[in-house]
């Protein structure tokens, strides 16, 4: 069970809707696409994106959420098909919070927490340069806020409504 902090839930304006799921560890990236598409549908419904001029930035959501799931399978579970990836998302009036955990120890490491959270702080100054982090996590840094809970072995990623909703 996920337990995001009240501060993270407040940041997105949590409205009581959330989804939690347990996924097999796949080798094939495409197999996680269904989960990401399910998130697209829930987000569009939450923000009432329909036949108006607004649309969901599916590339951003796919990169942030999809990359987090893939890295949990690869770095945490070491592609072990007997291990699960757990994912969740919480819908809010101001954005969406994603949570991803593995059955390995990737997000329990203080070094992982420090790397992710320091890159997040540096991103806000646009002073962290370019190039891969070495973890294959670069796409998750497109989230507006990232937090690693080493106690829960969970990566939390918040994406604000202005970042993910395009147009008016």
N, C-alpha and C. Protein backbone atom coordinates (compact mmCIF):
# COMPACT_ATOMS: atom_id res chain seq x y z
N UNK A 1 0.85 -1.18 0.00
CA UNK A 1 0.00 0.00 0.00
C UNK A 1 0.89 1.24 0.00
N UNK A 2 0.54 2.19 -0.83
CA UNK A 2 1.27 3.44 -0.92
C UNK A 2 0.80 4.39 0.16
N UNK A 3 1.69 5.26 0.57
CA UNK A 3 1.36 6.22 1.62
C UNK A 3 2.02 7.56 1.31
N UNK A 4 1.53 8.27 0.28
CA UNK A 4 2.15 9.57 -0.03
C UNK A 4 1.92 10.57 1.09
N UNK A 5 2.86 11.48 1.22
CA UNK A 5 2.75 12.48 2.29
C UNK A 5 1.57 13.41 2.05
N UNK A 6 0.99 13.91 3.13
CA UNK A 6 -0.10 14.88 2.99
C UNK A 6 0.32 16.11 2.17
N UNK A 7 1.61 16.50 2.26
CA UNK A 7 2.10 17.65 1.51
C UNK A 7 2.00 17.41 0.00
N UNK A 8 2.39 16.19 -0.44
CA UNK A 8 2.30 15.87 -1.86
C UNK A 8 0.85 15.85 -2.33
N UNK A 9 -0.03 15.27 -1.53
CA UNK A 9 -1.44 15.22 -1.90
C UNK A 9 -2.05 16.63 -1.93
N UNK A 10 -1.63 17.47 -1.00
CA UNK A 10 -2.13 18.85 -0.98
C UNK A 10 -1.64 19.60 -2.21
N UNK A 11 -0.40 19.35 -2.60
CA UNK A 11 0.20 20.03 -3.75
C UNK A 11 -0.63 19.80 -5.02
N UNK A 12 -1.14 18.59 -5.21
CA UNK A 12 -1.93 18.30 -6.41
C UNK A 12 -3.41 18.59 -6.21
N UNK A 13 -3.81 18.99 -5.01
CA UNK A 13 -5.23 19.24 -4.74
C UNK A 13 -6.01 17.93 -4.80
N UNK A 14 -5.49 16.89 -4.14
CA UNK A 14 -6.09 15.55 -4.19
C UNK A 14 -7.58 15.61 -3.94
N UNK A 15 -8.34 14.92 -4.82
CA UNK A 15 -9.80 14.97 -4.73
C UNK A 15 -10.43 13.63 -4.37
N UNK A 16 -9.63 12.70 -3.87
CA UNK A 16 -10.17 11.44 -3.39
C UNK A 16 -10.16 10.30 -4.38
N UNK A 17 -9.69 10.53 -5.60
CA UNK A 17 -9.65 9.47 -6.61
C UNK A 17 -8.22 8.96 -6.78
N UNK A 18 -8.05 7.64 -6.68
CA UNK A 18 -6.73 7.08 -6.91
C UNK A 18 -6.85 5.66 -7.43
N UNK A 19 -5.77 5.18 -8.02
CA UNK A 19 -5.69 3.83 -8.59
C UNK A 19 -4.37 3.22 -8.13
N UNK A 20 -4.42 2.00 -7.64
CA UNK A 20 -3.20 1.26 -7.31
C UNK A 20 -3.23 -0.05 -8.08
N UNK A 21 -2.05 -0.49 -8.57
CA UNK A 21 -1.99 -1.73 -9.33
C UNK A 21 -0.65 -2.43 -9.12
N UNK A 22 -0.66 -3.73 -9.30
CA UNK A 22 0.55 -4.55 -9.23
C UNK A 22 0.77 -5.13 -10.62
N UNK A 23 1.95 -4.90 -11.18
CA UNK A 23 2.24 -5.28 -12.57
C UNK A 23 3.35 -6.32 -12.61
N UNK A 24 3.29 -7.22 -13.55
CA UNK A 24 4.41 -8.15 -13.73
C UNK A 24 5.65 -7.38 -14.21
N UNK A 25 6.81 -7.92 -13.98
CA UNK A 25 8.04 -7.35 -14.54
C UNK A 25 8.18 -7.88 -15.95
N UNK A 26 8.08 -6.98 -16.93
CA UNK A 26 8.20 -7.34 -18.34
C UNK A 26 9.55 -6.92 -18.88
N UNK A 27 10.00 -7.59 -19.91
CA UNK A 27 11.19 -7.18 -20.64
C UNK A 27 10.81 -6.21 -21.75
N UNK A 28 9.58 -6.30 -22.22
CA UNK A 28 9.12 -5.55 -23.37
C UNK A 28 8.46 -4.24 -22.94
N UNK A 29 9.02 -3.13 -23.40
CA UNK A 29 8.50 -1.81 -23.06
C UNK A 29 7.04 -1.67 -23.44
N UNK A 30 6.66 -2.20 -24.57
CA UNK A 30 5.30 -2.05 -25.07
C UNK A 30 4.24 -2.62 -24.16
N UNK A 31 4.59 -3.58 -23.34
CA UNK A 31 3.60 -4.19 -22.47
C UNK A 31 3.13 -3.26 -21.35
N UNK A 32 3.92 -2.24 -21.05
CA UNK A 32 3.50 -1.27 -20.04
C UNK A 32 2.63 -0.17 -20.65
N UNK A 33 2.53 -0.13 -21.96
CA UNK A 33 1.77 0.92 -22.63
C UNK A 33 0.30 0.92 -22.20
N UNK A 34 -0.26 -0.25 -21.94
CA UNK A 34 -1.66 -0.32 -21.51
C UNK A 34 -1.87 0.44 -20.21
N UNK A 35 -0.95 0.29 -19.27
CA UNK A 35 -1.06 0.96 -17.98
C UNK A 35 -0.99 2.47 -18.17
N UNK A 36 -0.09 2.93 -19.02
CA UNK A 36 0.04 4.35 -19.28
C UNK A 36 -1.22 4.88 -19.97
N UNK A 37 -1.77 4.12 -20.91
CA UNK A 37 -3.01 4.55 -21.57
C UNK A 37 -4.17 4.63 -20.57
N UNK A 38 -4.20 3.72 -19.61
CA UNK A 38 -5.23 3.76 -18.58
C UNK A 38 -5.09 5.06 -17.77
N UNK A 39 -3.86 5.46 -17.47
CA UNK A 39 -3.64 6.72 -16.76
C UNK A 39 -4.12 7.90 -17.61
N UNK A 40 -3.83 7.87 -18.92
CA UNK A 40 -4.30 8.96 -19.80
C UNK A 40 -5.81 9.12 -19.67
N UNK A 41 -6.54 8.02 -19.76
CA UNK A 41 -8.01 8.08 -19.72
C UNK A 41 -8.51 8.64 -18.39
N UNK A 42 -7.91 8.20 -17.30
CA UNK A 42 -8.34 8.68 -15.98
C UNK A 42 -8.05 10.17 -15.82
N UNK A 43 -6.89 10.61 -16.29
CA UNK A 43 -6.52 12.03 -16.19
C UNK A 43 -7.45 12.88 -17.06
N UNK A 44 -7.73 12.43 -18.28
CA UNK A 44 -8.63 13.18 -19.15
C UNK A 44 -10.01 13.31 -18.54
N UNK A 45 -10.50 12.25 -17.93
CA UNK A 45 -11.81 12.29 -17.28
C UNK A 45 -11.78 13.22 -16.07
N UNK A 46 -10.72 13.14 -15.27
CA UNK A 46 -10.60 13.98 -14.08
C UNK A 46 -10.61 15.46 -14.44
N UNK A 47 -9.90 15.83 -15.50
CA UNK A 47 -9.81 17.24 -15.89
C UNK A 47 -10.84 17.62 -16.95
N UNK A 48 -11.76 16.70 -17.22
CA UNK A 48 -12.86 16.94 -18.17
C UNK A 48 -12.33 17.43 -19.52
N UNK A 49 -11.30 16.76 -20.00
CA UNK A 49 -10.74 17.06 -21.32
C UNK A 49 -11.54 16.25 -22.32
N UNK A 50 -12.21 16.93 -23.19
CA UNK A 50 -13.06 16.25 -24.14
C UNK A 50 -12.96 16.86 -25.51
N UNK A 51 -14.06 17.37 -25.97
CA UNK A 51 -14.11 17.90 -27.32
C UNK A 51 -13.91 19.42 -27.35
N UNK A 52 -13.16 19.92 -26.38
CA UNK A 52 -12.82 21.34 -26.41
C UNK A 52 -11.43 21.48 -27.03
N UNK A 53 -10.82 22.62 -26.86
CA UNK A 53 -9.52 22.86 -27.48
C UNK A 53 -8.35 22.43 -26.62
N UNK A 54 -8.63 21.79 -25.49
CA UNK A 54 -7.55 21.33 -24.63
C UNK A 54 -7.24 19.87 -24.94
N UNK A 55 -5.99 19.50 -24.71
CA UNK A 55 -5.64 18.09 -24.85
C UNK A 55 -4.55 17.76 -23.86
N UNK A 56 -4.45 16.50 -23.56
CA UNK A 56 -3.47 16.01 -22.60
C UNK A 56 -2.10 15.90 -23.27
N UNK A 57 -1.08 16.32 -22.57
CA UNK A 57 0.29 16.17 -23.04
C UNK A 57 0.69 14.71 -22.77
N UNK A 58 0.25 13.83 -23.67
CA UNK A 58 0.49 12.40 -23.46
C UNK A 58 1.97 12.06 -23.52
N UNK A 59 2.74 12.83 -24.28
CA UNK A 59 4.17 12.56 -24.34
C UNK A 59 4.81 12.77 -22.96
N UNK A 60 4.46 13.85 -22.29
CA UNK A 60 5.00 14.12 -20.96
C UNK A 60 4.59 13.03 -19.97
N UNK A 61 3.30 12.72 -19.92
CA UNK A 61 2.82 11.71 -18.97
C UNK A 61 3.44 10.35 -19.29
N UNK A 62 3.51 10.00 -20.56
CA UNK A 62 4.11 8.73 -20.96
C UNK A 62 5.57 8.65 -20.57
N UNK A 63 6.29 9.74 -20.74
CA UNK A 63 7.70 9.74 -20.37
C UNK A 63 7.88 9.63 -18.86
N UNK A 64 7.16 10.43 -18.12
CA UNK A 64 7.34 10.46 -16.67
C UNK A 64 6.90 9.15 -16.02
N UNK A 65 5.65 8.76 -16.26
CA UNK A 65 5.10 7.57 -15.61
C UNK A 65 5.69 6.30 -16.22
N UNK A 66 5.74 6.25 -17.54
CA UNK A 66 6.27 5.06 -18.21
C UNK A 66 7.72 4.79 -17.87
N UNK A 67 8.54 5.82 -17.86
CA UNK A 67 9.96 5.66 -17.54
C UNK A 67 10.16 5.21 -16.09
N UNK A 68 9.34 5.72 -15.19
CA UNK A 68 9.44 5.31 -13.79
C UNK A 68 9.12 3.82 -13.65
N UNK A 69 8.08 3.35 -14.33
CA UNK A 69 7.72 1.93 -14.28
C UNK A 69 8.84 1.06 -14.87
N UNK A 70 9.35 1.47 -16.01
CA UNK A 70 10.42 0.69 -16.65
C UNK A 70 11.67 0.61 -15.80
N UNK A 71 12.01 1.70 -15.15
CA UNK A 71 13.20 1.69 -14.31
C UNK A 71 13.02 0.85 -13.05
N UNK A 72 11.82 0.81 -12.53
CA UNK A 72 11.56 -0.07 -11.39
C UNK A 72 11.76 -1.52 -11.80
N UNK A 73 11.29 -1.88 -13.00
CA UNK A 73 11.45 -3.25 -13.49
C UNK A 73 12.92 -3.56 -13.77
N UNK A 74 13.61 -2.62 -14.37
CA UNK A 74 14.99 -2.88 -14.77
C UNK A 74 15.98 -2.75 -13.62
N UNK A 75 15.99 -1.62 -12.94
CA UNK A 75 16.99 -1.38 -11.91
C UNK A 75 16.63 -1.99 -10.57
N UNK A 76 15.36 -1.97 -10.22
CA UNK A 76 14.93 -2.53 -8.94
C UNK A 76 14.74 -4.02 -8.98
N UNK A 77 13.94 -4.48 -9.94
CA UNK A 77 13.63 -5.91 -10.03
C UNK A 77 14.63 -6.69 -10.87
N UNK A 78 15.57 -5.99 -11.49
CA UNK A 78 16.60 -6.63 -12.32
C UNK A 78 15.98 -7.54 -13.38
N UNK A 79 14.81 -7.11 -13.89
CA UNK A 79 14.06 -7.84 -14.92
C UNK A 79 13.66 -9.26 -14.48
N UNK A 80 13.56 -9.47 -13.21
CA UNK A 80 13.18 -10.77 -12.66
C UNK A 80 11.66 -10.94 -12.81
N UNK A 81 11.20 -11.85 -13.65
CA UNK A 81 9.75 -11.99 -13.89
C UNK A 81 8.97 -12.46 -12.66
N UNK A 82 9.64 -12.92 -11.63
CA UNK A 82 8.93 -13.34 -10.42
C UNK A 82 8.62 -12.15 -9.50
N UNK A 83 9.17 -10.97 -9.84
CA UNK A 83 8.94 -9.78 -9.02
C UNK A 83 7.94 -8.85 -9.70
N UNK A 84 7.23 -8.10 -8.89
CA UNK A 84 6.20 -7.18 -9.38
C UNK A 84 6.68 -5.73 -9.31
N UNK A 85 6.09 -4.90 -10.17
CA UNK A 85 6.22 -3.46 -10.09
C UNK A 85 4.87 -2.96 -9.60
N UNK A 86 4.88 -2.15 -8.57
CA UNK A 86 3.64 -1.58 -8.08
C UNK A 86 3.59 -0.12 -8.49
N UNK A 87 2.45 0.28 -8.98
CA UNK A 87 2.27 1.65 -9.46
C UNK A 87 0.93 2.17 -8.96
N UNK A 88 0.87 3.48 -8.81
CA UNK A 88 -0.36 4.12 -8.37
C UNK A 88 -0.39 5.54 -8.91
N UNK A 89 -1.58 6.09 -9.01
CA UNK A 89 -1.68 7.52 -9.28
C UNK A 89 -2.88 8.10 -8.56
N UNK A 90 -2.68 9.32 -8.10
CA UNK A 90 -3.69 10.06 -7.36
C UNK A 90 -4.05 11.27 -8.19
N UNK A 91 -5.35 11.48 -8.38
CA UNK A 91 -5.83 12.59 -9.18
C UNK A 91 -6.21 13.75 -8.29
N UNK A 92 -5.85 14.94 -8.72
CA UNK A 92 -6.16 16.14 -7.95
C UNK A 92 -6.70 17.22 -8.85
N UNK A 93 -7.13 18.30 -8.24
CA UNK A 93 -7.63 19.43 -9.01
C UNK A 93 -6.49 20.23 -9.64
N UNK A 94 -5.29 20.11 -9.08
CA UNK A 94 -4.14 20.87 -9.55
C UNK A 94 -3.10 20.02 -10.28
N UNK A 95 -3.30 18.70 -10.33
CA UNK A 95 -2.33 17.83 -10.98
C UNK A 95 -2.51 16.37 -10.62
N UNK A 96 -1.50 15.59 -10.94
CA UNK A 96 -1.52 14.15 -10.70
C UNK A 96 -0.23 13.76 -9.98
N UNK A 97 -0.36 12.83 -9.06
CA UNK A 97 0.80 12.28 -8.35
C UNK A 97 0.91 10.82 -8.74
N UNK A 98 2.09 10.42 -9.21
CA UNK A 98 2.36 9.03 -9.54
C UNK A 98 3.28 8.44 -8.48
N UNK A 99 3.08 7.18 -8.16
CA UNK A 99 3.97 6.46 -7.26
C UNK A 99 4.38 5.15 -7.91
N UNK A 100 5.67 4.82 -7.82
CA UNK A 100 6.18 3.59 -8.42
C UNK A 100 7.16 2.95 -7.44
N UNK A 101 7.01 1.64 -7.26
CA UNK A 101 7.95 0.91 -6.40
C UNK A 101 8.27 -0.43 -7.02
N UNK A 102 9.42 -0.96 -6.66
CA UNK A 102 9.84 -2.27 -7.14
C UNK A 102 9.93 -3.22 -5.96
N UNK A 103 10.23 -4.48 -6.26
CA UNK A 103 10.42 -5.46 -5.20
C UNK A 103 11.91 -5.73 -4.98
N UNK A 104 12.73 -4.86 -5.50
CA UNK A 104 14.16 -4.89 -5.24
C UNK A 104 14.47 -3.86 -4.18
N UNK A 105 15.59 -3.19 -4.34
CA UNK A 105 15.96 -2.20 -3.34
C UNK A 105 16.39 -0.86 -3.97
N UNK A 106 15.98 -0.61 -5.19
CA UNK A 106 16.46 0.55 -5.91
C UNK A 106 16.15 1.86 -5.19
N UNK A 107 14.90 2.04 -4.75
CA UNK A 107 14.52 3.30 -4.12
C UNK A 107 14.73 3.29 -2.61
N UNK A 108 15.29 2.22 -2.06
CA UNK A 108 15.65 2.22 -0.64
C UNK A 108 17.04 2.80 -0.43
N UNK A 109 17.79 2.92 -1.50
CA UNK A 109 19.17 3.40 -1.40
C UNK A 109 19.20 4.92 -1.21
N UNK A 110 19.94 5.35 -0.22
CA UNK A 110 20.10 6.78 0.01
C UNK A 110 20.76 7.45 -1.19
N UNK A 111 21.67 6.74 -1.85
CA UNK A 111 22.36 7.32 -3.02
C UNK A 111 21.37 7.58 -4.16
N UNK A 112 20.39 6.70 -4.35
CA UNK A 112 19.36 6.92 -5.38
C UNK A 112 18.53 8.14 -5.01
N UNK A 113 18.11 8.22 -3.75
CA UNK A 113 17.32 9.36 -3.27
C UNK A 113 18.08 10.66 -3.50
N UNK A 114 19.34 10.70 -3.11
CA UNK A 114 20.13 11.92 -3.25
C UNK A 114 20.32 12.31 -4.71
N UNK A 115 20.58 11.32 -5.57
CA UNK A 115 20.77 11.62 -6.99
C UNK A 115 19.50 12.20 -7.59
N UNK A 116 18.37 11.55 -7.36
CA UNK A 116 17.10 12.00 -7.94
C UNK A 116 16.70 13.37 -7.39
N UNK A 117 16.77 13.53 -6.09
CA UNK A 117 16.32 14.79 -5.52
C UNK A 117 17.28 15.94 -5.80
N UNK A 118 18.57 15.68 -5.92
CA UNK A 118 19.51 16.75 -6.27
C UNK A 118 19.33 17.17 -7.72
N UNK A 119 19.10 16.20 -8.60
CA UNK A 119 18.84 16.53 -10.01
C UNK A 119 17.56 17.34 -10.13
N UNK A 120 16.59 17.06 -9.30
CA UNK A 120 15.33 17.80 -9.33
C UNK A 120 15.56 19.25 -8.92
N UNK A 121 16.32 19.46 -7.84
CA UNK A 121 16.62 20.83 -7.40
C UNK A 121 17.41 21.58 -8.47
N UNK A 122 18.39 20.92 -9.07
CA UNK A 122 19.22 21.57 -10.08
C UNK A 122 18.43 21.85 -11.35
N UNK A 123 17.45 21.00 -11.65
CA UNK A 123 16.63 21.22 -12.85
C UNK A 123 15.94 22.56 -12.79
N UNK A 124 15.51 22.95 -11.59
CA UNK A 124 14.79 24.22 -11.48
C UNK A 124 15.68 25.41 -11.83
N UNK A 125 16.98 25.25 -11.73
CA UNK A 125 17.89 26.33 -12.11
C UNK A 125 18.38 26.16 -13.54
N UNK A 126 18.03 25.04 -14.18
CA UNK A 126 18.48 24.70 -15.53
C UNK A 126 20.01 24.70 -15.60
N UNK A 127 20.64 24.31 -14.48
CA UNK A 127 22.09 24.37 -14.40
C UNK A 127 22.71 22.99 -14.26
N UNK A 128 21.94 21.95 -14.55
CA UNK A 128 22.48 20.60 -14.35
C UNK A 128 23.04 20.00 -15.61
N UNK A 129 23.07 20.75 -16.68
CA UNK A 129 23.70 20.27 -17.90
C UNK A 129 22.82 19.28 -18.63
N UNK A 130 23.46 18.53 -19.50
CA UNK A 130 22.72 17.55 -20.28
C UNK A 130 23.44 16.23 -20.21
N UNK A 131 22.82 15.24 -20.81
CA UNK A 131 23.43 13.92 -20.82
C UNK A 131 22.75 13.02 -19.83
N UNK A 132 22.96 11.74 -20.00
CA UNK A 132 22.27 10.76 -19.16
C UNK A 132 22.77 10.74 -17.73
N UNK A 133 21.88 10.39 -16.82
CA UNK A 133 22.24 10.27 -15.41
C UNK A 133 22.95 8.96 -15.14
N UNK A 134 22.91 8.04 -16.11
CA UNK A 134 23.49 6.73 -15.90
C UNK A 134 22.47 5.73 -15.40
N UNK A 135 21.28 6.21 -15.04
CA UNK A 135 20.24 5.33 -14.53
C UNK A 135 19.13 5.10 -15.53
N UNK A 136 19.14 5.80 -16.63
CA UNK A 136 18.03 5.71 -17.57
C UNK A 136 16.80 6.40 -17.03
N UNK A 137 16.99 7.33 -16.11
CA UNK A 137 15.88 8.01 -15.47
C UNK A 137 15.64 9.41 -15.99
N UNK A 138 16.34 9.82 -17.02
CA UNK A 138 16.28 11.22 -17.45
C UNK A 138 14.86 11.70 -17.74
N UNK A 139 14.00 10.88 -18.29
CA UNK A 139 12.65 11.32 -18.63
C UNK A 139 11.82 11.66 -17.39
N UNK A 140 12.07 11.02 -16.25
CA UNK A 140 11.27 11.32 -15.06
C UNK A 140 11.54 12.72 -14.54
N UNK A 141 12.67 13.31 -14.91
CA UNK A 141 12.97 14.65 -14.43
C UNK A 141 12.10 15.71 -15.10
N UNK A 142 11.25 15.30 -16.03
CA UNK A 142 10.28 16.22 -16.62
C UNK A 142 9.10 16.45 -15.68
N UNK A 143 8.98 15.65 -14.63
CA UNK A 143 7.93 15.86 -13.63
C UNK A 143 8.20 17.19 -12.93
N UNK A 144 7.16 17.80 -12.40
CA UNK A 144 7.32 19.07 -11.70
C UNK A 144 7.95 18.89 -10.33
N UNK A 145 7.75 17.72 -9.73
CA UNK A 145 8.32 17.47 -8.41
C UNK A 145 8.56 15.97 -8.27
N UNK A 146 9.68 15.61 -7.68
CA UNK A 146 10.01 14.21 -7.43
C UNK A 146 10.42 14.05 -5.98
N UNK A 147 10.04 12.92 -5.40
CA UNK A 147 10.41 12.61 -4.03
C UNK A 147 10.63 11.12 -3.93
N UNK A 148 11.71 10.71 -3.27
CA UNK A 148 11.98 9.30 -3.05
C UNK A 148 11.75 8.99 -1.57
N UNK A 149 10.88 8.03 -1.31
CA UNK A 149 10.67 7.54 0.04
C UNK A 149 11.47 6.25 0.20
N UNK A 150 12.63 6.35 0.86
CA UNK A 150 13.46 5.16 1.04
C UNK A 150 12.77 4.15 1.95
N UNK A 151 11.94 4.63 2.86
CA UNK A 151 11.22 3.71 3.77
C UNK A 151 10.20 2.87 3.00
N UNK A 152 9.56 3.46 2.02
CA UNK A 152 8.55 2.76 1.22
C UNK A 152 9.12 2.13 -0.04
N UNK A 153 10.40 2.43 -0.36
CA UNK A 153 11.00 1.99 -1.62
C UNK A 153 10.17 2.51 -2.80
N UNK A 154 9.82 3.80 -2.73
CA UNK A 154 8.90 4.37 -3.71
C UNK A 154 9.41 5.70 -4.25
N UNK A 155 9.21 5.87 -5.56
CA UNK A 155 9.46 7.14 -6.22
C UNK A 155 8.10 7.79 -6.44
N UNK A 156 7.94 9.02 -5.96
CA UNK A 156 6.73 9.81 -6.19
C UNK A 156 7.06 10.91 -7.18
N UNK A 157 6.16 11.10 -8.16
CA UNK A 157 6.35 12.11 -9.21
C UNK A 157 5.06 12.92 -9.33
N UNK A 158 5.15 14.22 -9.16
CA UNK A 158 3.98 15.09 -9.30
C UNK A 158 4.08 15.85 -10.62
N UNK A 159 2.97 15.89 -11.34
CA UNK A 159 2.89 16.65 -12.59
C UNK A 159 1.69 17.60 -12.44
N UNK A 160 1.96 18.90 -12.60
CA UNK A 160 0.91 19.89 -12.42
C UNK A 160 -0.02 19.94 -13.63
N UNK A 161 -1.23 20.42 -13.41
CA UNK A 161 -2.20 20.55 -14.50
C UNK A 161 -1.67 21.45 -15.62
N UNK A 162 -1.06 22.61 -15.32
CA UNK A 162 -0.55 23.43 -16.42
C UNK A 162 0.51 22.73 -17.27
N UNK A 163 1.27 21.81 -16.67
CA UNK A 163 2.29 21.07 -17.43
C UNK A 163 1.68 20.03 -18.35
N UNK A 164 0.57 19.43 -17.93
CA UNK A 164 0.06 18.30 -18.71
C UNK A 164 -1.15 18.62 -19.57
N UNK A 165 -1.76 19.79 -19.39
CA UNK A 165 -2.92 20.14 -20.20
C UNK A 165 -2.50 21.22 -21.20
N UNK A 166 -2.65 20.91 -22.47
CA UNK A 166 -2.22 21.81 -23.53
C UNK A 166 -3.43 22.50 -24.14
N UNK A 167 -3.28 23.78 -24.45
CA UNK A 167 -4.37 24.51 -25.12
C UNK A 167 -5.35 25.09 -24.14
N UNK A 168 -6.32 25.76 -24.64
CA UNK A 168 -7.39 26.35 -23.83
C UNK A 168 -8.73 26.01 -24.42
